[in-house]
Protein backbone atom coordinates (compact mmCIF):
# COMPACT_ATOMS: atom_id res chain seq x y z
CA MET A 1 -34.50 -45.28 -229.75
CA ARG A 2 -32.97 -47.97 -231.89
CA ARG A 3 -30.22 -47.25 -234.36
CA ARG A 4 -32.58 -47.37 -237.34
CA THR A 5 -35.58 -45.08 -237.51
CA VAL A 6 -39.01 -46.16 -238.66
CA ALA A 7 -39.23 -43.13 -240.91
CA ALA A 8 -36.07 -44.14 -242.73
CA LEU A 9 -37.13 -47.75 -243.10
CA THR A 10 -40.58 -47.01 -244.43
CA ALA A 11 -39.10 -44.88 -247.18
CA ALA A 12 -38.09 -48.06 -249.01
CA SER A 13 -40.54 -49.75 -251.35
CA GLY A 14 -42.42 -52.69 -249.89
CA ALA A 15 -43.02 -54.03 -253.40
CA LEU A 16 -39.43 -55.25 -253.60
CA LEU A 17 -39.97 -57.44 -250.56
CA LEU A 18 -42.68 -59.61 -252.06
CA THR A 19 -40.30 -60.95 -254.67
CA ALA A 20 -37.16 -61.00 -252.55
CA THR A 21 -35.26 -64.26 -252.84
CA ALA A 22 -31.93 -63.91 -251.11
CA ALA A 23 -30.74 -65.49 -247.89
CA THR A 24 -28.79 -62.41 -246.83
CA ALA A 25 -28.36 -58.93 -248.17
CA THR A 26 -25.19 -57.85 -249.89
CA THR A 27 -23.25 -55.45 -247.71
CA ASN A 28 -23.12 -52.06 -249.37
CA ALA A 29 -21.89 -48.84 -247.81
CA HIS A 30 -24.73 -46.84 -249.34
CA ASN A 31 -27.58 -49.35 -249.34
CA PRO A 32 -27.22 -51.89 -246.52
CA TRP A 33 -29.93 -54.32 -245.46
CA PRO A 34 -32.88 -53.92 -245.64
CA TYR A 35 -32.68 -51.52 -248.59
CA GLN A 36 -30.40 -53.47 -250.90
CA PRO A 37 -32.32 -55.91 -253.15
CA THR A 38 -30.45 -59.14 -253.66
CA SER A 39 -30.46 -62.10 -256.00
CA GLY A 40 -30.46 -65.84 -255.47
CA HIS A 41 -32.83 -68.73 -254.90
CA THR A 42 -33.22 -68.81 -251.11
CA ALA A 43 -35.46 -66.43 -249.17
CA VAL A 44 -35.20 -65.87 -245.43
CA LEU A 45 -38.33 -65.56 -243.29
CA ALA A 46 -38.02 -64.67 -239.60
CA ALA A 47 -40.94 -65.77 -237.42
CA VAL A 48 -42.04 -65.03 -233.85
CA GLY A 49 -45.10 -64.01 -231.84
CA ASP A 50 -46.17 -62.80 -228.36
CA ILE A 51 -43.88 -59.82 -228.16
CA ALA A 52 -44.44 -56.46 -226.53
CA CYS A 53 -45.32 -55.71 -222.91
CA GLU A 54 -47.93 -53.23 -221.66
CA PRO A 55 -45.97 -49.96 -221.52
CA ASP A 56 -47.74 -47.82 -218.95
CA GLY A 57 -50.40 -49.64 -216.97
CA ASP A 58 -52.95 -46.89 -217.52
CA ASP A 59 -55.82 -49.39 -217.33
CA ALA A 60 -57.13 -49.50 -213.77
CA GLY A 61 -57.52 -53.26 -213.70
CA VAL A 62 -54.46 -54.32 -215.70
CA ASP A 63 -52.76 -57.47 -214.45
CA ALA A 64 -49.26 -56.51 -213.29
CA LYS A 65 -47.78 -59.55 -215.04
CA TYR A 66 -48.30 -57.81 -218.39
CA LEU A 67 -46.55 -54.58 -217.45
CA CYS A 68 -43.14 -53.81 -218.88
CA ASP A 69 -40.31 -54.65 -216.50
CA GLY A 70 -36.61 -55.19 -217.00
CA THR A 71 -37.00 -58.83 -218.03
CA ARG A 72 -39.73 -58.25 -220.61
CA GLN A 73 -38.14 -55.16 -222.07
CA SER A 74 -34.80 -56.92 -222.29
CA ALA A 75 -36.35 -60.00 -223.95
CA GLN A 76 -38.22 -57.86 -226.48
CA THR A 77 -35.00 -56.03 -227.35
CA LEU A 78 -33.02 -59.27 -227.63
CA THR A 79 -35.48 -60.85 -230.06
CA ALA A 80 -35.62 -57.66 -232.14
CA ASP A 81 -31.83 -57.77 -232.31
CA GLN A 82 -32.04 -61.40 -233.44
CA VAL A 83 -34.33 -60.43 -236.31
CA GLU A 84 -31.99 -57.67 -237.42
CA ALA A 85 -28.99 -60.03 -237.27
CA MET A 86 -30.80 -62.51 -239.54
CA GLN A 87 -31.32 -59.82 -242.19
CA PRO A 88 -34.52 -61.51 -243.35
CA ASP A 89 -36.46 -60.73 -246.48
CA LEU A 90 -39.68 -60.62 -244.45
CA VAL A 91 -40.84 -61.18 -240.86
CA ALA A 92 -43.92 -63.29 -240.07
CA LEU A 93 -45.47 -62.09 -236.80
CA LEU A 94 -47.65 -64.73 -235.16
CA GLY A 95 -50.06 -62.61 -233.12
CA ASP A 96 -50.15 -60.86 -229.75
CA GLU A 97 -47.72 -58.31 -231.07
CA GLN A 98 -48.82 -55.91 -228.31
CA TYR A 99 -50.22 -56.53 -224.82
CA GLN A 100 -52.63 -55.94 -223.07
CA VAL A 101 -55.40 -54.85 -225.42
CA GLY A 102 -53.34 -53.93 -228.47
CA ARG A 103 -54.29 -50.25 -228.38
CA TYR A 104 -52.66 -47.95 -230.89
CA ASN A 105 -50.90 -45.87 -228.23
CA ASP A 106 -49.54 -49.06 -226.64
CA PHE A 107 -48.17 -50.19 -230.02
CA MET A 108 -46.41 -46.85 -230.26
CA GLY A 109 -45.24 -46.92 -226.64
CA SER A 110 -43.80 -50.44 -226.58
CA PHE A 111 -43.79 -52.56 -229.74
CA ASP A 112 -42.72 -49.73 -232.03
CA ARG A 113 -39.71 -48.86 -229.90
CA THR A 114 -37.99 -52.12 -230.82
CA TYR A 115 -39.75 -53.97 -233.65
CA GLY A 116 -40.72 -50.69 -235.31
CA ALA A 117 -37.15 -50.51 -236.63
CA PHE A 118 -38.11 -53.03 -239.33
CA LYS A 119 -41.86 -52.48 -239.43
CA TYR A 120 -42.23 -52.49 -243.19
CA LEU A 121 -40.67 -55.97 -243.41
CA GLN A 122 -43.41 -57.36 -241.18
CA ARG A 123 -46.31 -59.49 -242.38
CA PRO A 124 -48.44 -59.79 -239.23
CA ALA A 125 -51.26 -62.02 -238.06
CA PRO A 126 -53.40 -60.77 -235.15
CA GLY A 127 -53.73 -62.45 -231.77
CA ASN A 128 -56.32 -62.44 -229.04
CA HIS A 129 -54.67 -59.48 -227.30
CA GLU A 130 -55.31 -57.39 -230.39
CA PHE A 131 -59.01 -58.32 -230.07
CA TYR A 132 -59.23 -58.45 -226.30
CA ASP A 133 -62.38 -57.33 -224.44
CA TYR A 134 -60.91 -55.68 -221.36
CA LYS A 135 -62.93 -55.40 -218.18
CA ASP A 136 -62.66 -51.63 -217.62
CA GLY A 137 -64.59 -50.92 -220.82
CA GLU A 138 -61.57 -50.01 -222.96
CA LYS A 139 -61.62 -52.54 -225.74
CA GLY A 140 -59.31 -53.78 -228.46
CA VAL A 141 -62.03 -56.18 -229.49
CA ASP A 142 -62.28 -54.85 -233.04
CA GLY A 143 -58.51 -54.79 -233.57
CA SER A 144 -58.59 -51.03 -234.18
CA GLY A 145 -55.14 -50.46 -232.67
CA TYR A 146 -53.62 -53.34 -234.65
CA TYR A 147 -55.14 -52.29 -237.97
CA SER A 148 -54.35 -48.61 -237.36
CA TYR A 149 -50.71 -49.41 -236.61
CA TYR A 150 -50.21 -51.55 -239.72
CA ASN A 151 -52.72 -50.12 -242.20
CA GLY A 152 -52.53 -46.48 -241.10
CA ARG A 153 -55.06 -44.15 -239.49
CA SER A 154 -58.01 -42.68 -241.38
CA LEU A 155 -58.15 -38.87 -241.52
CA ASP A 156 -61.03 -36.42 -241.77
CA THR A 157 -61.24 -33.70 -244.41
CA ALA A 158 -59.10 -31.41 -242.25
CA GLY A 159 -56.36 -34.03 -242.01
CA SER A 160 -56.98 -34.96 -238.36
CA PRO A 161 -57.07 -38.64 -237.30
CA LEU A 162 -60.57 -40.06 -236.96
CA ALA A 163 -61.65 -41.82 -233.75
CA ASP A 164 -64.62 -43.99 -232.86
CA ALA A 165 -67.07 -43.48 -229.99
CA GLN A 166 -64.59 -44.99 -227.54
CA GLY A 167 -61.81 -42.71 -228.70
CA GLN A 168 -59.98 -45.50 -230.54
CA PRO A 169 -58.43 -44.70 -233.94
CA VAL A 170 -60.25 -45.59 -237.14
CA PRO A 171 -57.91 -47.60 -239.41
CA ARG A 172 -57.57 -47.20 -243.15
CA PRO A 173 -59.47 -49.91 -245.02
CA GLN A 174 -56.48 -51.70 -246.59
CA GLY A 175 -52.81 -52.07 -245.88
CA GLN A 176 -50.01 -54.16 -244.47
CA ALA A 177 -52.36 -56.31 -242.35
CA GLY A 178 -54.78 -57.03 -245.19
CA THR A 179 -58.32 -55.68 -245.17
CA SER A 180 -59.16 -54.00 -241.85
CA GLY A 181 -61.76 -56.10 -240.07
CA GLN A 182 -60.74 -59.26 -241.92
CA GLY A 183 -56.99 -59.58 -241.43
CA TRP A 184 -56.28 -62.50 -243.74
CA TYR A 185 -54.11 -62.31 -246.87
CA SER A 186 -51.40 -64.18 -248.79
CA TYR A 187 -48.17 -63.37 -250.56
CA ASP A 188 -45.26 -65.00 -252.38
CA LEU A 189 -41.70 -64.99 -251.07
CA GLY A 190 -39.09 -66.47 -253.37
CA SER A 191 -40.59 -69.70 -254.70
CA TRP A 192 -42.90 -70.11 -251.69
CA HIS A 193 -46.55 -69.21 -251.25
CA ILE A 194 -47.34 -67.89 -247.75
CA ILE A 195 -50.74 -67.44 -246.10
CA SER A 196 -51.50 -65.28 -243.06
CA LEU A 197 -54.83 -66.05 -241.34
CA ASN A 198 -56.87 -64.42 -238.58
CA ALA A 199 -57.95 -66.95 -235.95
CA GLU A 200 -59.73 -64.40 -233.71
CA CYS A 201 -63.15 -65.93 -234.29
CA ALA A 202 -64.48 -65.64 -230.73
CA VAL A 203 -65.46 -61.99 -231.14
CA GLN A 204 -66.78 -62.27 -234.70
CA SER A 205 -70.22 -62.88 -236.20
CA GLY A 206 -71.04 -66.53 -235.60
CA GLY A 207 -68.16 -67.00 -233.16
CA CYS A 208 -65.85 -69.98 -233.68
CA ALA A 209 -68.48 -72.29 -235.17
CA THR A 210 -67.38 -73.64 -238.55
CA ASP A 211 -70.69 -72.47 -240.03
CA GLY A 212 -70.45 -69.00 -238.44
CA ALA A 213 -70.60 -66.18 -240.96
CA TRP A 214 -67.13 -64.77 -240.33
CA VAL A 215 -65.41 -68.18 -240.21
CA LYS A 216 -67.20 -69.29 -243.39
CA GLU A 217 -66.07 -66.16 -245.22
CA GLN A 218 -62.43 -66.67 -244.28
CA THR A 219 -62.51 -70.41 -244.93
CA ALA A 220 -64.00 -69.85 -248.40
CA TRP A 221 -61.23 -67.35 -249.10
CA LEU A 222 -58.63 -69.88 -247.92
CA ARG A 223 -60.10 -72.58 -250.14
CA ASP A 224 -59.91 -70.30 -253.18
CA ASP A 225 -56.38 -69.16 -252.33
CA LEU A 226 -55.16 -72.74 -252.03
CA ALA A 227 -56.84 -73.69 -255.31
CA ALA A 228 -54.90 -70.95 -257.07
CA ASP A 229 -51.62 -71.92 -255.38
CA HIS A 230 -49.31 -74.00 -257.58
CA ALA A 231 -46.11 -73.35 -255.68
CA SER A 232 -43.85 -76.25 -254.81
CA CYS A 233 -43.82 -75.14 -251.17
CA THR A 234 -46.50 -73.45 -249.06
CA LEU A 235 -46.51 -72.13 -245.48
CA ALA A 236 -49.42 -70.81 -243.40
CA TYR A 237 -49.53 -69.03 -240.05
CA TRP A 238 -51.93 -67.66 -237.47
CA HIS A 239 -52.01 -67.21 -233.70
CA GLN A 240 -53.55 -70.14 -231.75
CA PRO A 241 -52.11 -73.60 -232.57
CA ALA A 242 -54.35 -76.50 -233.46
CA PHE A 243 -52.01 -78.83 -231.58
CA SER A 244 -51.03 -77.51 -228.17
CA ALA A 245 -47.57 -77.79 -226.65
CA SER A 246 -48.76 -76.55 -223.27
CA ALA A 247 -51.83 -78.80 -223.03
CA SER A 248 -54.07 -75.71 -223.02
CA PRO A 249 -56.07 -75.94 -226.24
CA SER A 250 -58.17 -72.93 -227.20
CA SER A 251 -61.51 -72.64 -228.96
CA GLU A 252 -59.73 -70.83 -231.78
CA GLY A 253 -57.18 -73.64 -232.08
CA THR A 254 -59.96 -76.21 -232.16
CA LEU A 255 -61.62 -74.25 -234.96
CA THR A 256 -58.43 -74.15 -237.02
CA GLN A 257 -57.95 -77.89 -236.63
CA SER A 258 -61.45 -78.67 -237.90
CA ALA A 259 -61.85 -75.95 -240.55
CA TRP A 260 -58.38 -75.07 -241.86
CA TRP A 261 -56.05 -78.01 -241.32
CA PRO A 262 -58.05 -80.34 -243.62
CA LEU A 263 -57.85 -77.78 -246.43
CA LEU A 264 -54.15 -77.17 -245.86
CA TYR A 265 -53.42 -80.88 -245.66
CA LYS A 266 -55.35 -81.69 -248.85
CA ALA A 267 -53.53 -78.90 -250.69
CA GLY A 268 -50.11 -80.22 -249.66
CA VAL A 269 -49.12 -77.35 -247.36
CA ASP A 270 -45.75 -78.00 -245.74
CA VAL A 271 -45.49 -75.80 -242.65
CA VAL A 272 -47.81 -74.12 -240.14
CA LEU A 273 -46.49 -71.49 -237.71
CA ASN A 274 -48.32 -70.41 -234.54
CA GLY A 275 -47.78 -68.39 -231.38
CA HIS A 276 -50.15 -67.91 -228.40
CA GLU A 277 -48.31 -70.37 -226.16
CA HIS A 278 -45.27 -68.57 -224.77
CA LEU A 279 -42.75 -71.27 -225.55
CA TYR A 280 -41.03 -72.95 -228.47
CA ALA A 281 -42.09 -76.31 -229.87
CA ARG A 282 -41.80 -78.32 -233.06
CA PHE A 283 -44.10 -81.18 -233.98
CA ALA A 284 -43.39 -84.04 -236.36
CA PRO A 285 -45.36 -83.96 -239.64
CA GLN A 286 -48.95 -84.89 -238.85
CA ASN A 287 -52.41 -85.02 -240.39
CA PRO A 288 -55.46 -82.99 -239.25
CA GLN A 289 -56.31 -85.68 -236.70
CA GLY A 290 -52.91 -85.27 -235.03
CA GLN A 291 -51.60 -88.60 -236.31
CA ALA A 292 -48.00 -88.88 -237.47
CA ASP A 293 -47.73 -88.69 -241.26
CA PRO A 294 -44.11 -88.51 -242.49
CA HIS A 295 -45.12 -88.41 -246.17
CA LYS A 296 -47.82 -85.75 -246.45
CA GLY A 297 -48.05 -84.38 -242.92
CA ILE A 298 -47.76 -80.72 -241.98
CA THR A 299 -44.99 -79.64 -239.62
CA GLU A 300 -46.25 -77.29 -236.90
CA PHE A 301 -43.96 -74.85 -235.11
CA VAL A 302 -45.07 -72.88 -232.04
CA ILE A 303 -42.90 -69.75 -231.63
CA GLY A 304 -44.52 -67.61 -228.94
CA THR A 305 -41.18 -66.43 -227.60
CA GLY A 306 -40.95 -62.77 -228.61
CA GLY A 307 -40.70 -61.34 -225.10
CA GLU A 308 -43.99 -61.45 -223.18
CA GLY A 309 -43.52 -63.93 -220.33
CA LEU A 310 -43.08 -67.69 -220.71
CA ASP A 311 -45.48 -70.61 -220.33
CA THR A 312 -44.81 -74.20 -219.28
CA LEU A 313 -44.43 -77.13 -221.66
CA ALA A 314 -46.86 -79.95 -221.13
CA PRO A 315 -45.47 -83.42 -220.39
CA ALA A 316 -44.55 -85.25 -223.57
CA ALA A 317 -47.44 -87.68 -223.15
CA GLN A 318 -49.89 -84.77 -223.38
CA ALA A 319 -48.43 -83.42 -226.62
CA PRO A 320 -48.34 -86.28 -229.15
CA ASN A 321 -45.86 -85.86 -232.02
CA ARG A 322 -43.97 -83.06 -230.27
CA VAL A 323 -40.35 -83.58 -231.26
CA THR A 324 -38.77 -80.86 -229.18
CA GLY A 325 -39.71 -77.90 -227.04
CA ASN A 326 -38.36 -75.33 -224.64
CA ASP A 327 -40.07 -73.10 -222.07
CA THR A 328 -37.07 -71.20 -220.69
CA SER A 329 -35.92 -69.19 -223.69
CA TYR A 330 -36.98 -66.23 -225.76
CA GLY A 331 -36.04 -66.38 -229.41
CA VAL A 332 -36.88 -66.05 -233.10
CA SER A 333 -36.94 -68.77 -235.76
CA ARG A 334 -35.09 -68.33 -239.04
CA PHE A 335 -36.53 -70.18 -242.03
CA ALA A 336 -34.45 -70.48 -245.19
CA LEU A 337 -37.00 -71.08 -247.93
CA GLN A 338 -35.51 -72.92 -250.89
CA PRO A 339 -37.24 -73.88 -254.16
CA THR A 340 -37.96 -77.46 -253.08
CA GLY A 341 -37.38 -77.46 -249.33
CA TYR A 342 -36.50 -75.46 -246.27
CA SER A 343 -34.31 -75.34 -243.20
CA TRP A 344 -35.08 -73.89 -239.78
CA ASN A 345 -32.92 -72.56 -236.98
CA TYR A 346 -34.18 -71.46 -233.57
CA GLN A 347 -31.68 -70.15 -231.04
CA ALA A 348 -32.32 -68.86 -227.54
CA ALA A 349 -31.84 -65.11 -227.26
CA ASN A 350 -31.40 -65.05 -223.48
CA GLY A 351 -28.41 -67.31 -222.96
CA THR A 352 -30.04 -70.67 -222.13
CA GLY A 353 -28.16 -72.38 -224.95
CA TYR A 354 -31.27 -74.05 -226.41
CA THR A 355 -31.28 -74.53 -230.18
CA ASP A 356 -33.36 -76.42 -232.71
CA SER A 357 -32.41 -76.73 -236.35
CA GLY A 358 -32.97 -79.02 -239.29
CA SER A 359 -34.20 -79.24 -242.86
CA ALA A 360 -36.94 -80.91 -244.88
CA HIS A 361 -38.22 -81.29 -248.43
CA CYS A 362 -41.52 -79.88 -249.60
CA HIS A 363 -44.45 -82.01 -250.70
CA GLY A 364 -44.51 -80.58 -254.21
CA PRO A 365 -46.89 -78.27 -256.09
CA SER A 366 -50.13 -77.65 -254.23
CA GLY A 367 -53.50 -76.73 -255.66
CA ASP A 368 -53.22 -79.41 -258.37
């Protein structure tokens, strides 16, 4: 077990976090981070995805590459330690929090043993492994394990946890991951507006078609949320990137490029964060067509380096506008969110020495 317990952490009020604005917490013998509310004008957001290995291999057909081994468990612990060292106000999780099918018992048996130490700071987005249709008939396709872990488990009148026909837990309708079954929501952190989206369209009504029922519902919500957003700086995140760093585009990423990027671009959104590709990459500001746009373009970061394996970067010619990337390190990005700009700092957690840091100004108030 880690040095902080989930029970102790969840005793603190999550309401304080939504208005937190400090870069680091004030050291206090009685109320250290993350309990101590702080003052200031800079908020710290930690961001990472693709994290926890399959803990027990109890699925008959599980691919051995997803099972926990020394490397994956070590990487997961190292990135959790990075988050704690940053003392962030909140943590944006970019999907695939738990492999292989994101079942509730796997969350508890792997993810929770490291990242659970700061669970209530987390603002997650789901990934395909939380909605994965596994071949032995045990499914995470409805995200029940993900929603049950973050939103809590529903109970019957006797106080026992409810389960569906497949024995999977029934989540509570609302909670930390938004509305169960939807999974999209937004919040404010310091002077920034932040949007968490659910790109897992493949298993939803209408699939990943822009006119599919589920995609239309989420896109309409996004349009309304952006219209109400008058912050000087806005950031959005979800799992699959629109612009691939590994030259392996997904149907979900293609959907986000056609349906969401135009709305985000028009509204003046500054930053998009993604996972899915198990590597780190940063793209120059670009428009929805992937063309460089230094004035109004959105900067995309891919941070799929939480601990679950590593992918291979595509050659530079196959990833236009990619400024930098690394496929040999695990790590977490630290974003210092200031009233009119931001800085980022990514450092390898596993000793490769790779770093990427910089700063930029925001586009100005969006939704106007």
